[in-house]
Amino acid sequence: EKSLYEFYDLFILDERMPLVLGTELVEDIKRDNPQA
């Protein structure tokens, strides 16, 4: 949600989290912001 409404120069994501995998977040963020 933060990636949608705020600008970041870089995202650092953990792979194993409850509810969502980091790789899934990568896909979602890149879908909305291919240059992320």
Full PDB file with SEQRES, HELIX, SHEET, SSBOND, CRYST1, ORIGX, SCALE, CONECT and MASTER records, all heavy atoms in Angstrom:
SEQRES   1 A   36  GLU LYS SER LEU TYR GLU PHE TYR ASP LEU PHE ILE LEU          
SEQRES   2 A   36  ASP GLU ARG MET PRO LEU VAL LEU GLY THR GLU LEU VAL          
SEQRES   3 A   36  GLU ASP ILE LYS ARG ASP ASN PRO GLN ALA                      
HELIX    1 AA1 LYS A    2  TYR A    5  1                                   4    
HELIX    2 AA2 GLY A   22  ASP A   32  1                                  11    
CRYST1    1.000    1.000    1.000  90.00  90.00  90.00 P 1           1          
ORIGX1      1.000000  0.000000  0.000000        0.00000                         
ORIGX2      0.000000  1.000000  0.000000        0.00000                         
ORIGX3      0.000000  0.000000  1.000000        0.00000                         
SCALE1      1.000000  0.000000  0.000000        0.00000                         
SCALE2      0.000000  1.000000  0.000000        0.00000                         
SCALE3      0.000000  0.000000  1.000000        0.00000                         
ATOM      1  N   GLU A   1       0.836  -1.206   0.000  1.00  0.00           N  
ATOM      2  CA  GLU A   1       0.000   0.000   0.000  1.00  0.00           C  
ATOM      3  C   GLU A   1       0.872   1.259   0.000  1.00  0.00           C  
ATOM      4  O   GLU A   1       0.602   2.214  -0.724  1.00  0.00           O  
ATOM      5  CB  GLU A   1      -0.926  -0.021   1.218  1.00  0.00           C  
ATOM      6  CG  GLU A   1      -2.053   0.978   1.109  1.00  0.00           C  
ATOM      7  CD  GLU A   1      -3.108   0.744   2.175  1.00  0.00           C  
ATOM      8  OE1 GLU A   1      -3.706  -0.337   2.210  1.00  0.00           O  
ATOM      9  OE2 GLU A   1      -3.314   1.688   2.958  1.00  0.00           O  
ATOM     10  N   LYS A   2       1.927   1.256   0.815  1.00  0.00           N  
ATOM     11  CA  LYS A   2       2.842   2.401   0.853  1.00  0.00           C  
ATOM     12  C   LYS A   2       3.482   2.622  -0.522  1.00  0.00           C  
ATOM     13  O   LYS A   2       3.690   3.758  -0.929  1.00  0.00           O  
ATOM     14  CB  LYS A   2       3.932   2.195   1.907  1.00  0.00           C  
ATOM     15  CG  LYS A   2       3.455   2.374   3.335  1.00  0.00           C  
ATOM     16  CD  LYS A   2       4.612   2.148   4.312  1.00  0.00           C  
ATOM     17  CE  LYS A   2       4.218   2.480   5.720  1.00  0.00           C  
ATOM     18  NZ  LYS A   2       3.965   3.886   5.947  1.00  0.00           N  
ATOM     19  N   SER A   3       3.775   1.533  -1.239  1.00  0.00           N  
ATOM     20  CA  SER A   3       4.396   1.665  -2.555  1.00  0.00           C  
ATOM     21  C   SER A   3       3.466   2.352  -3.551  1.00  0.00           C  
ATOM     22  O   SER A   3       3.922   2.955  -4.515  1.00  0.00           O  
ATOM     23  CB  SER A   3       4.820   0.294  -3.098  1.00  0.00           C  
ATOM     24  OG  SER A   3       3.724  -0.422  -3.645  1.00  0.00           O  
ATOM     25  N   LEU A   4       2.172   2.260  -3.310  1.00  0.00           N  
ATOM     26  CA  LEU A   4       1.199   2.879  -4.207  1.00  0.00           C  
ATOM     27  C   LEU A   4       1.052   4.379  -3.978  1.00  0.00           C  
ATOM     28  O   LEU A   4       0.782   5.125  -4.920  1.00  0.00           O  
ATOM     29  CB  LEU A   4      -0.183   2.226  -4.024  1.00  0.00           C  
ATOM     30  CG  LEU A   4      -0.318   0.777  -4.460  1.00  0.00           C  
ATOM     31  CD1 LEU A   4      -1.687   0.241  -4.073  1.00  0.00           C  
ATOM     32  CD2 LEU A   4      -0.080   0.643  -5.957  1.00  0.00           C  
ATOM     33  N   TYR A   5       1.202   4.807  -2.716  1.00  0.00           N  
ATOM     34  CA  TYR A   5       0.858   6.179  -2.368  1.00  0.00           C  
ATOM     35  C   TYR A   5       2.030   7.065  -1.994  1.00  0.00           C  
ATOM     36  O   TYR A   5       1.854   8.259  -1.784  1.00  0.00           O  
ATOM     37  CB  TYR A   5      -0.177   6.172  -1.227  1.00  0.00           C  
ATOM     38  CG  TYR A   5      -1.431   5.452  -1.632  1.00  0.00           C  
ATOM     39  CD1 TYR A   5      -1.744   4.214  -1.078  1.00  0.00           C  
ATOM     40  CD2 TYR A   5      -2.285   5.980  -2.596  1.00  0.00           C  
ATOM     41  CE1 TYR A   5      -2.893   3.532  -1.468  1.00  0.00           C  
ATOM     42  CE2 TYR A   5      -3.427   5.300  -2.994  1.00  0.00           C  
ATOM     43  CZ  TYR A   5      -3.726   4.078  -2.423  1.00  0.00           C  
ATOM     44  OH  TYR A   5      -4.852   3.408  -2.818  1.00  0.00           O  
ATOM     45  N   GLU A   6       3.228   6.479  -1.897  1.00  0.00           N  
ATOM     46  CA  GLU A   6       4.410   7.254  -1.548  1.00  0.00           C  
ATOM     47  C   GLU A   6       5.535   6.867  -2.491  1.00  0.00           C  
ATOM     48  O   GLU A   6       5.596   5.749  -2.968  1.00  0.00           O  
ATOM     49  CB  GLU A   6       4.829   6.974  -0.099  1.00  0.00           C  
ATOM     50  CG  GLU A   6       3.762   7.326   0.923  1.00  0.00           C  
ATOM     51  CD  GLU A   6       4.140   6.897   2.335  1.00  0.00           C  
ATOM     52  OE1 GLU A   6       5.321   7.000   2.689  1.00  0.00           O  
ATOM     53  OE2 GLU A   6       3.238   6.461   3.062  1.00  0.00           O  
ATOM     54  N   PHE A   7       6.462   7.810  -2.741  1.00  0.00           N  
ATOM     55  CA  PHE A   7       7.590   7.519  -3.626  1.00  0.00           C  
ATOM     56  C   PHE A   7       8.785   7.028  -2.822  1.00  0.00           C  
ATOM     57  O   PHE A   7       9.135   7.596  -1.793  1.00  0.00           O  
ATOM     58  CB  PHE A   7       8.002   8.759  -4.435  1.00  0.00           C  
ATOM     59  CG  PHE A   7       9.225   8.491  -5.264  1.00  0.00           C  
ATOM     60  CD1 PHE A   7       9.111   7.820  -6.468  1.00  0.00           C  
ATOM     61  CD2 PHE A   7      10.479   8.855  -4.813  1.00  0.00           C  
ATOM     62  CE1 PHE A   7      10.244   7.526  -7.223  1.00  0.00           C  
ATOM     63  CE2 PHE A   7      11.617   8.567  -5.558  1.00  0.00           C  
ATOM     64  CZ  PHE A   7      11.490   7.905  -6.770  1.00  0.00           C  
ATOM     65  N   TYR A   8       9.427   5.985  -3.331  1.00  0.00           N  
ATOM     66  CA  TYR A   8      10.660   5.460  -2.750  1.00  0.00           C  
ATOM     67  C   TYR A   8      11.663   5.234  -3.869  1.00  0.00           C  
ATOM     68  O   TYR A   8      11.302   4.786  -4.953  1.00  0.00           O  
ATOM     69  CB  TYR A   8      10.403   4.136  -2.009  1.00  0.00           C  
ATOM     70  CG  TYR A   8       9.445   4.313  -0.862  1.00  0.00           C  
ATOM     71  CD1 TYR A   8       8.094   4.053  -1.013  1.00  0.00           C  
ATOM     72  CD2 TYR A   8       9.890   4.793   0.364  1.00  0.00           C  
ATOM     73  CE1 TYR A   8       7.200   4.248   0.029  1.00  0.00           C  
ATOM     74  CE2 TYR A   8       9.007   4.996   1.413  1.00  0.00           C  
ATOM     75  CZ  TYR A   8       7.663   4.723   1.236  1.00  0.00           C  
ATOM     76  OH  TYR A   8       6.785   4.931   2.265  1.00  0.00           O  
ATOM     77  N   ASP A   9      12.922   5.524  -3.578  1.00  0.00           N  
ATOM     78  CA  ASP A   9      13.988   5.285  -4.548  1.00  0.00           C  
ATOM     79  C   ASP A   9      14.351   3.813  -4.611  1.00  0.00           C  
ATOM     80  O   ASP A   9      14.887   3.339  -5.614  1.00  0.00           O  
ATOM     81  CB  ASP A   9      15.235   6.095  -4.162  1.00  0.00           C  
ATOM     82  CG  ASP A   9      14.956   7.590  -4.222  1.00  0.00           C  
ATOM     83  OD1 ASP A   9      14.842   8.123  -5.328  1.00  0.00           O  
ATOM     84  OD2 ASP A   9      14.831   8.207  -3.140  1.00  0.00           O  
ATOM     85  N   LEU A  10      14.065   3.094  -3.505  1.00  0.00           N  
ATOM     86  CA  LEU A  10      14.443   1.683  -3.417  1.00  0.00           C  
ATOM     87  C   LEU A  10      13.545   0.965  -2.428  1.00  0.00           C  
ATOM     88  O   LEU A  10      13.142   1.545  -1.416  1.00  0.00           O  
ATOM     89  CB  LEU A  10      15.909   1.584  -2.947  1.00  0.00           C  
ATOM     90  CG  LEU A  10      16.480   0.181  -2.721  1.00  0.00           C  
ATOM     91  CD1 LEU A  10      16.613  -0.571  -4.043  1.00  0.00           C  
ATOM     92  CD2 LEU A  10      17.834   0.270  -2.025  1.00  0.00           C  
ATOM     93  N   PHE A  11      13.252  -0.289  -2.733  1.00  0.00           N  
ATOM     94  CA  PHE A  11      12.498  -1.160  -1.836  1.00  0.00           C  
ATOM     95  C   PHE A  11      13.407  -2.301  -1.408  1.00  0.00           C  
ATOM     96  O   PHE A  11      14.083  -2.903  -2.241  1.00  0.00           O  
ATOM     97  CB  PHE A  11      11.274  -1.756  -2.555  1.00  0.00           C  
ATOM     98  CG  PHE A  11      10.301  -0.725  -3.036  1.00  0.00           C  
ATOM     99  CD1 PHE A  11      10.438  -0.148  -4.289  1.00  0.00           C  
ATOM    100  CD2 PHE A  11       9.253  -0.313  -2.235  1.00  0.00           C  
ATOM    101  CE1 PHE A  11       9.547   0.801  -4.739  1.00  0.00           C  
ATOM    102  CE2 PHE A  11       8.347   0.636  -2.664  1.00  0.00           C  
ATOM    103  CZ  PHE A  11       8.500   1.198  -3.918  1.00  0.00           C  
ATOM    104  N   ILE A  12      13.409  -2.613  -0.107  1.00  0.00           N  
ATOM    105  CA  ILE A  12      14.126  -3.778   0.417  1.00  0.00           C  
ATOM    106  C   ILE A  12      13.071  -4.685   1.031  1.00  0.00           C  
ATOM    107  O   ILE A  12      12.394  -4.299   1.984  1.00  0.00           O  
ATOM    108  CB  ILE A  12      15.189  -3.373   1.458  1.00  0.00           C  
ATOM    109  CG1 ILE A  12      16.230  -2.445   0.822  1.00  0.00           C  
ATOM    110  CG2 ILE A  12      15.852  -4.622   2.043  1.00  0.00           C  
ATOM    111  CD1 ILE A  12      17.263  -1.901   1.801  1.00  0.00           C  
ATOM    112  N   LEU A  13      12.907  -5.868   0.445  1.00  0.00           N  
ATOM    113  CA  LEU A  13      11.809  -6.756   0.822  1.00  0.00           C  
ATOM    114  C   LEU A  13      12.328  -8.096   1.318  1.00  0.00           C  
ATOM    115  O   LEU A  13      13.211  -8.695   0.697  1.00  0.00           O  
ATOM    116  CB  LEU A  13      10.910  -7.016  -0.397  1.00  0.00           C  
ATOM    117  CG  LEU A  13      10.457  -5.800  -1.202  1.00  0.00           C  
ATOM    118  CD1 LEU A  13       9.700  -6.252  -2.442  1.00  0.00           C  
ATOM    119  CD2 LEU A  13       9.604  -4.875  -0.345  1.00  0.00           C  
ATOM    120  N   ASP A  14      11.756  -8.560   2.410  1.00  0.00           N  
ATOM    121  CA  ASP A  14      12.062  -9.908   2.898  1.00  0.00           C  
ATOM    122  C   ASP A  14      11.247 -10.898   2.074  1.00  0.00           C  
ATOM    123  O   ASP A  14      10.101 -10.614   1.690  1.00  0.00           O  
ATOM    124  CB  ASP A  14      11.693 -10.015   4.381  1.00  0.00           C  
ATOM    125  CG  ASP A  14      12.108 -11.352   4.982  1.00  0.00           C  
ATOM    126  OD1 ASP A  14      13.150 -11.892   4.584  1.00  0.00           O  
ATOM    127  OD2 ASP A  14      11.385 -11.837   5.868  1.00  0.00           O  
ATOM    128  N   GLU A  15      11.806 -12.061   1.799  1.00  0.00           N  
ATOM    129  CA  GLU A  15      11.081 -13.066   1.004  1.00  0.00           C  
ATOM    130  C   GLU A  15       9.977 -13.746   1.812  1.00  0.00           C  
ATOM    131  O   GLU A  15       8.859 -13.876   1.335  1.00  0.00           O  
ATOM    132  CB  GLU A  15      12.056 -14.113   0.453  1.00  0.00           C  
ATOM    133  CG  GLU A  15      11.393 -15.309  -0.206  1.00  0.00           C  
ATOM    134  CD  GLU A  15      10.454 -14.998  -1.369  1.00  0.00           C  
ATOM    135  OE1 GLU A  15      10.400 -13.866  -1.872  1.00  0.00           O  
ATOM    136  OE2 GLU A  15       9.735 -15.929  -1.768  1.00  0.00           O  
ATOM    137  N   ARG A  16      10.296 -14.177   3.020  1.00  0.00           N  
ATOM    138  CA  ARG A  16       9.325 -14.969   3.790  1.00  0.00           C  
ATOM    139  C   ARG A  16       8.653 -14.119   4.856  1.00  0.00           C  
ATOM    140  O   ARG A  16       9.272 -13.756   5.856  1.00  0.00           O  
ATOM    141  CB  ARG A  16      10.017 -16.158   4.438  1.00  0.00           C  
ATOM    142  CG  ARG A  16      10.490 -17.166   3.404  1.00  0.00           C  
ATOM    143  CD  ARG A  16      10.585 -18.533   3.996  1.00  0.00           C  
ATOM    144  NE  ARG A  16      11.017 -19.489   2.984  1.00  0.00           N  
ATOM    145  CZ  ARG A  16      11.487 -20.665   3.251  1.00  0.00           C  
ATOM    146  NH1 ARG A  16      11.594 -21.066   4.495  1.00  0.00           N  
ATOM    147  NH2 ARG A  16      11.847 -21.474   2.281  1.00  0.00           N  
ATOM    148  N   MET A  17       7.381 -13.804   4.594  1.00  0.00           N  
ATOM    149  CA  MET A  17       6.568 -13.031   5.540  1.00  0.00           C  
ATOM    150  C   MET A  17       5.179 -13.642   5.586  1.00  0.00           C  
ATOM    151  O   MET A  17       4.752 -14.267   4.615  1.00  0.00           O  
ATOM    152  CB  MET A  17       6.454 -11.573   5.081  1.00  0.00           C  
ATOM    153  CG  MET A  17       7.753 -10.808   5.054  1.00  0.00           C  
ATOM    154  SD  MET A  17       7.519  -9.096   4.542  1.00  0.00           S  
ATOM    155  CE  MET A  17       7.264  -9.290   2.764  1.00  0.00           C  
ATOM    156  N   PRO A  18       4.462 -13.422   6.671  1.00  0.00           N  
ATOM    157  CA  PRO A  18       3.066 -13.875   6.711  1.00  0.00           C  
ATOM    158  C   PRO A  18       2.257 -13.121   5.652  1.00  0.00           C  
ATOM    159  O   PRO A  18       2.568 -11.976   5.349  1.00  0.00           O  
ATOM    160  CB  PRO A  18       2.595 -13.491   8.117  1.00  0.00           C  
ATOM    161  CG  PRO A  18       3.830 -13.210   8.901  1.00  0.00           C  
ATOM    162  CD  PRO A  18       4.891 -12.816   7.926  1.00  0.00           C  
ATOM    163  N   LEU A  19       1.291 -13.753   5.091  1.00  0.00           N  
ATOM    164  CA  LEU A  19       0.334 -13.171   4.137  1.00  0.00           C  
ATOM    165  C   LEU A  19       0.856 -12.983   2.725  1.00  0.00           C  
ATOM    166  O   LEU A  19       0.116 -13.140   1.772  1.00  0.00           O  
ATOM    167  CB  LEU A  19      -0.231 -11.835   4.638  1.00  0.00           C  
ATOM    168  CG  LEU A  19      -0.904 -11.852   6.010  1.00  0.00           C  
ATOM    169  CD1 LEU A  19      -1.367 -10.457   6.390  1.00  0.00           C  
ATOM    170  CD2 LEU A  19      -2.079 -12.820   6.029  1.00  0.00           C  
ATOM    171  N   VAL A  20       2.126 -12.605   2.558  1.00  0.00           N  
ATOM    172  CA  VAL A  20       2.638 -12.337   1.217  1.00  0.00           C  
ATOM    173  C   VAL A  20       4.138 -12.643   1.156  1.00  0.00           C  
ATOM    174  O   VAL A  20       4.867 -12.383   2.107  1.00  0.00           O  
ATOM    175  CB  VAL A  20       2.347 -10.868   0.799  1.00  0.00           C  
ATOM    176  CG1 VAL A  20       3.081  -9.888   1.690  1.00  0.00           C  
ATOM    177  CG2 VAL A  20       2.675 -10.611  -0.657  1.00  0.00           C  
ATOM    178  N   LEU A  21       4.570 -13.220   0.045  1.00  0.00           N  
ATOM    179  CA  LEU A  21       5.995 -13.468  -0.181  1.00  0.00           C  
ATOM    180  C   LEU A  21       6.641 -12.229  -0.787  1.00  0.00           C  
ATOM    181  O   LEU A  21       5.982 -11.475  -1.514  1.00  0.00           O  
ATOM    182  CB  LEU A  21       6.197 -14.643  -1.135  1.00  0.00           C  
ATOM    183  CG  LEU A  21       5.771 -16.022  -0.641  1.00  0.00           C  
ATOM    184  CD1 LEU A  21       5.899 -17.048  -1.769  1.00  0.00           C  
ATOM    185  CD2 LEU A  21       6.594 -16.439   0.565  1.00  0.00           C  
ATOM    186  N   GLY A  22       7.920 -12.054  -0.518  1.00  0.00           N  
ATOM    187  CA  GLY A  22       8.637 -10.937  -1.118  1.00  0.00           C  
ATOM    188  C   GLY A  22       8.591 -10.963  -2.633  1.00  0.00           C  
ATOM    189  O   GLY A  22       8.457  -9.922  -3.275  1.00  0.00           O  
ATOM    190  N   THR A  23       8.693 -12.153  -3.231  1.00  0.00           N  
ATOM    191  CA  THR A  23       8.636 -12.249  -4.695  1.00  0.00           C  
ATOM    192  C   THR A  23       7.272 -11.800  -5.221  1.00  0.00           C  
ATOM    193  O   THR A  23       7.186 -11.212  -6.296  1.00  0.00           O  
ATOM    194  CB  THR A  23       8.954 -13.673  -5.176  1.00  0.00           C  
ATOM    195  OG1 THR A  23       8.228 -14.615  -4.391  1.00  0.00           O  
ATOM    196  CG2 THR A  23      10.448 -13.965  -5.058  1.00  0.00           C  
ATOM    197  N   GLU A  24       6.211 -12.058  -4.467  1.00  0.00           N  
ATOM    198  CA  GLU A  24       4.885 -11.581  -4.866  1.00  0.00           C  
ATOM    199  C   GLU A  24       4.824 -10.057  -4.793  1.00  0.00           C  
ATOM    200  O   GLU A  24       4.253  -9.403  -5.670  1.00  0.00           O  
ATOM    201  CB  GLU A  24       3.800 -12.189  -3.973  1.00  0.00           C  
ATOM    202  CG  GLU A  24       3.659 -13.688  -4.139  1.00  0.00           C  
ATOM    203  CD  GLU A  24       2.765 -14.335  -3.094  1.00  0.00           C  
ATOM    204  OE1 GLU A  24       2.677 -13.823  -1.954  1.00  0.00           O  
ATOM    205  OE2 GLU A  24       2.156 -15.365  -3.429  1.00  0.00           O  
ATOM    206  N   LEU A  25       5.430  -9.491  -3.746  1.00  0.00           N  
ATOM    207  CA  LEU A  25       5.489  -8.034  -3.631  1.00  0.00           C  
ATOM    208  C   LEU A  25       6.284  -7.425  -4.783  1.00  0.00           C  
ATOM    209  O   LEU A  25       5.905  -6.383  -5.311  1.00  0.00           O  
ATOM    210  CB  LEU A  25       6.134  -7.623  -2.306  1.00  0.00           C  
ATOM    211  CG  LEU A  25       5.231  -7.473  -1.102  1.00  0.00           C  
ATOM    212  CD1 LEU A  25       6.043  -7.059   0.117  1.00  0.00           C  
ATOM    213  CD2 LEU A  25       4.125  -6.483  -1.355  1.00  0.00           C  
ATOM    214  N   VAL A  26       7.398  -8.075  -5.152  1.00  0.00           N  
ATOM    215  CA  VAL A  26       8.188  -7.594  -6.291  1.00  0.00           C  
ATOM    216  C   VAL A  26       7.290  -7.503  -7.525  1.00  0.00           C  
ATOM    217  O   VAL A  26       7.267  -6.478  -8.219  1.00  0.00           O  
ATOM    218  CB  VAL A  26       9.400  -8.515  -6.575  1.00  0.00           C  
ATOM    219  CG1 VAL A  26      10.050  -8.156  -7.906  1.00  0.00           C  
ATOM    220  CG2 VAL A  26      10.415  -8.448  -5.449  1.00  0.00           C  
ATOM    221  N   GLU A  27       6.548  -8.566  -7.798  1.00  0.00           N  
ATOM    222  CA  GLU A  27       5.671  -8.575  -8.968  1.00  0.00           C  
ATOM    223  C   GLU A  27       4.633  -7.459  -8.897  1.00  0.00           C  
ATOM    224  O   GLU A  27       4.389  -6.757  -9.880  1.00  0.00           O  
ATOM    225  CB  GLU A  27       4.970  -9.924  -9.103  1.00  0.00           C  
ATOM    226  CG  GLU A  27       5.913 -11.045  -9.487  1.00  0.00           C  
ATOM    227  CD  GLU A  27       5.257 -12.413  -9.428  1.00  0.00           C  
ATOM    228  OE1 GLU A  27       4.283 -12.585  -8.668  1.00  0.00           O  
ATOM    229  OE2 GLU A  27       5.729 -13.310 -10.148  1.00  0.00           O  
ATOM    230  N   ASP A  28       4.022  -7.279  -7.727  1.00  0.00           N  
ATOM    231  CA  ASP A  28       2.990  -6.254  -7.567  1.00  0.00           C  
ATOM    232  C   ASP A  28       3.575  -4.850  -7.728  1.00  0.00           C  
ATOM    233  O   ASP A  28       3.003  -4.007  -8.422  1.00  0.00           O  
ATOM    234  CB  ASP A  28       2.313  -6.372  -6.202  1.00  0.00           C  
ATOM    235  CG  ASP A  28       1.475  -7.643  -6.068  1.00  0.00           C  
ATOM    236  OD1 ASP A  28       1.135  -8.255  -7.111  1.00  0.00           O  
ATOM    237  OD2 ASP A  28       1.171  -8.017  -4.930  1.00  0.00           O  
ATOM    238  N   ILE A  29       4.698  -4.605  -7.088  1.00  0.00           N  
ATOM    239  CA  ILE A  29       5.314  -3.278  -7.163  1.00  0.00           C  
ATOM    240  C   ILE A  29       5.754  -2.983  -8.589  1.00  0.00           C  
ATOM    241  O   ILE A  29       5.522  -1.887  -9.113  1.00  0.00           O  
ATOM    242  CB  ILE A  29       6.497  -3.156  -6.173  1.00  0.00           C  
ATOM    243  CG1 ILE A  29       5.962  -3.155  -4.730  1.00  0.00           C  
ATOM    244  CG2 ILE A  29       7.327  -1.909  -6.454  1.00  0.00           C  
ATOM    245  CD1 ILE A  29       7.043  -3.310  -3.658  1.00  0.00           C  
ATOM    246  N   LYS A  30       6.386  -3.964  -9.250  1.00  0.00           N  
ATOM    247  CA  LYS A  30       6.856  -3.750 -10.623  1.00  0.00           C  
ATOM    248  C   LYS A  30       5.693  -3.608 -11.609  1.00  0.00           C  
ATOM    249  O   LYS A  30       5.825  -2.913 -12.613  1.00  0.00           O  
ATOM    250  CB  LYS A  30       7.813  -4.857 -11.053  1.00  0.00           C  
ATOM    251  CG  LYS A  30       9.190  -4.696 -10.424  1.00  0.00           C  
ATOM    252  CD  LYS A  30      10.206  -5.564 -11.122  1.00  0.00           C  
ATOM    253  CE  LYS A  30      11.596  -5.250 -10.682  1.00  0.00           C  
ATOM    254  NZ  LYS A  30      12.261  -4.265 -11.507  1.00  0.00           N  
ATOM    255  N   ARG A  31       4.567  -4.235 -11.317  1.00  0.00           N  
ATOM    256  CA  ARG A  31       3.405  -4.073 -12.181  1.00  0.00           C  
ATOM    257  C   ARG A  31       2.941  -2.612 -12.148  1.00  0.00           C  
ATOM    258  O   ARG A  31       2.584  -2.037 -13.169  1.00  0.00           O  
ATOM    259  CB  ARG A  31       2.277  -5.004 -11.732  1.00  0.00           C  
ATOM    260  CG  ARG A  31       1.044  -4.933 -12.641  1.00  0.00           C  
ATOM    261  CD  ARG A  31      -0.120  -5.745 -12.115  1.00  0.00           C  
ATOM    262  NE  ARG A  31      -0.506  -5.294 -10.782  1.00  0.00           N  
ATOM    263  CZ  ARG A  31      -0.500  -6.053  -9.688  1.00  0.00           C  
ATOM    264  NH1 ARG A  31      -0.155  -7.320  -9.749  1.00  0.00           N  
ATOM    265  NH2 ARG A  31      -0.861  -5.554  -8.525  1.00  0.00           N  
ATOM    266  N   ASP A  32       2.953  -2.028 -10.950  1.00  0.00           N  
ATOM    267  CA  ASP A  32       2.512  -0.646 -10.791  1.00  0.00           C  
ATOM    268  C   ASP A  32       3.603   0.358 -11.137  1.00  0.00           C  
ATOM    269  O   ASP A  32       3.315   1.482 -11.519  1.00  0.00           O  
ATOM    270  CB  ASP A  32       2.059  -0.403  -9.341  1.00  0.00           C  
ATOM    271  CG  ASP A  32       0.896  -1.306  -8.952  1.00  0.00           C  
ATOM    272  OD1 ASP A  32      -0.007  -1.513  -9.790  1.00  0.00           O  
ATOM    273  OD2 ASP A  32       0.903  -1.812  -7.822  1.00  0.00           O  
ATOM    274  N   ASN A  33       4.860  -0.036 -10.971  1.00  0.00           N  
ATOM    275  CA  ASN A  33       5.997   0.847 -11.200  1.00  0.00           C  
ATOM    276  C   ASN A  33       7.147   0.032 -11.795  1.00  0.00           C  
ATOM    277  O   ASN A  33       8.015  -0.432 -11.066  1.00  0.00           O  
ATOM    278  CB  ASN A  33       6.419   1.501  -9.871  1.00  0.00           C  
ATOM    279  CG  ASN A  33       7.618   2.404 -10.025  1.00  0.00           C  
ATOM    280  OD1 ASN A  33       8.121   2.631 -11.122  1.00  0.00           O  
ATOM    281  ND2 ASN A  33       8.120   2.911  -8.911  1.00  0.00           N  
ATOM    282  N   PRO A  34       7.138  -0.154 -13.130  1.00  0.00           N  
ATOM    283  CA  PRO A  34       8.134  -1.015 -13.769  1.00  0.00           C  
ATOM    284  C   PRO A  34       9.585  -0.569 -13.534  1.00  0.00           C  
ATOM    285  O   PRO A  34      10.498  -1.372 -13.632  1.00  0.00           O  
ATOM    286  CB  PRO A  34       7.787  -0.936 -15.259  1.00  0.00           C  
ATOM    287  CG  PRO A  34       6.364  -0.478 -15.300  1.00  0.00           C  
ATOM    288  CD  PRO A  34       6.154   0.364 -14.085  1.00  0.00           C  
ATOM    289  N   GLN A  35       9.792   0.705 -13.201  1.00  0.00           N  
ATOM    290  CA  GLN A  35      11.146   1.220 -12.979  1.00  0.00           C  
ATOM    291  C   GLN A  35      11.621   1.042 -11.540  1.00  0.00           C  
ATOM    292  O   GLN A  35      12.734   1.427 -11.199  1.00  0.00           O  
ATOM    293  CB  GLN A  35      11.199   2.715 -13.346  1.00  0.00           C  
ATOM    294  CG  GLN A  35      10.713   3.020 -14.742  1.00  0.00           C  
ATOM    295  CD  GLN A  35      11.491   2.287 -15.817  1.00  0.00           C  
ATOM    296  OE1 GLN A  35      12.711   2.237 -15.772  1.00  0.00           O  
ATOM    297  NE2 GLN A  35      10.802   1.707 -16.776  1.00  0.00           N  
ATOM    298  N   ALA A  36      10.778   0.488 -10.677  1.00  0.00           N  
ATOM    299  CA  ALA A  36      11.122   0.353  -9.251  1.00  0.00           C  
ATOM    300  C   ALA A  36      12.421  -0.422  -9.071  1.00  0.00           C  
ATOM    301  O   ALA A  36      12.664  -1.421  -9.744  1.00  0.00           O  
ATOM    302  CB  ALA A  36       9.990  -0.341  -8.501  1.00  0.00           C  
TER     303      ALA A  36                                                      
MASTER        0    0    0    2    0    0    0    6  302    1    0    3          
END                                                                             
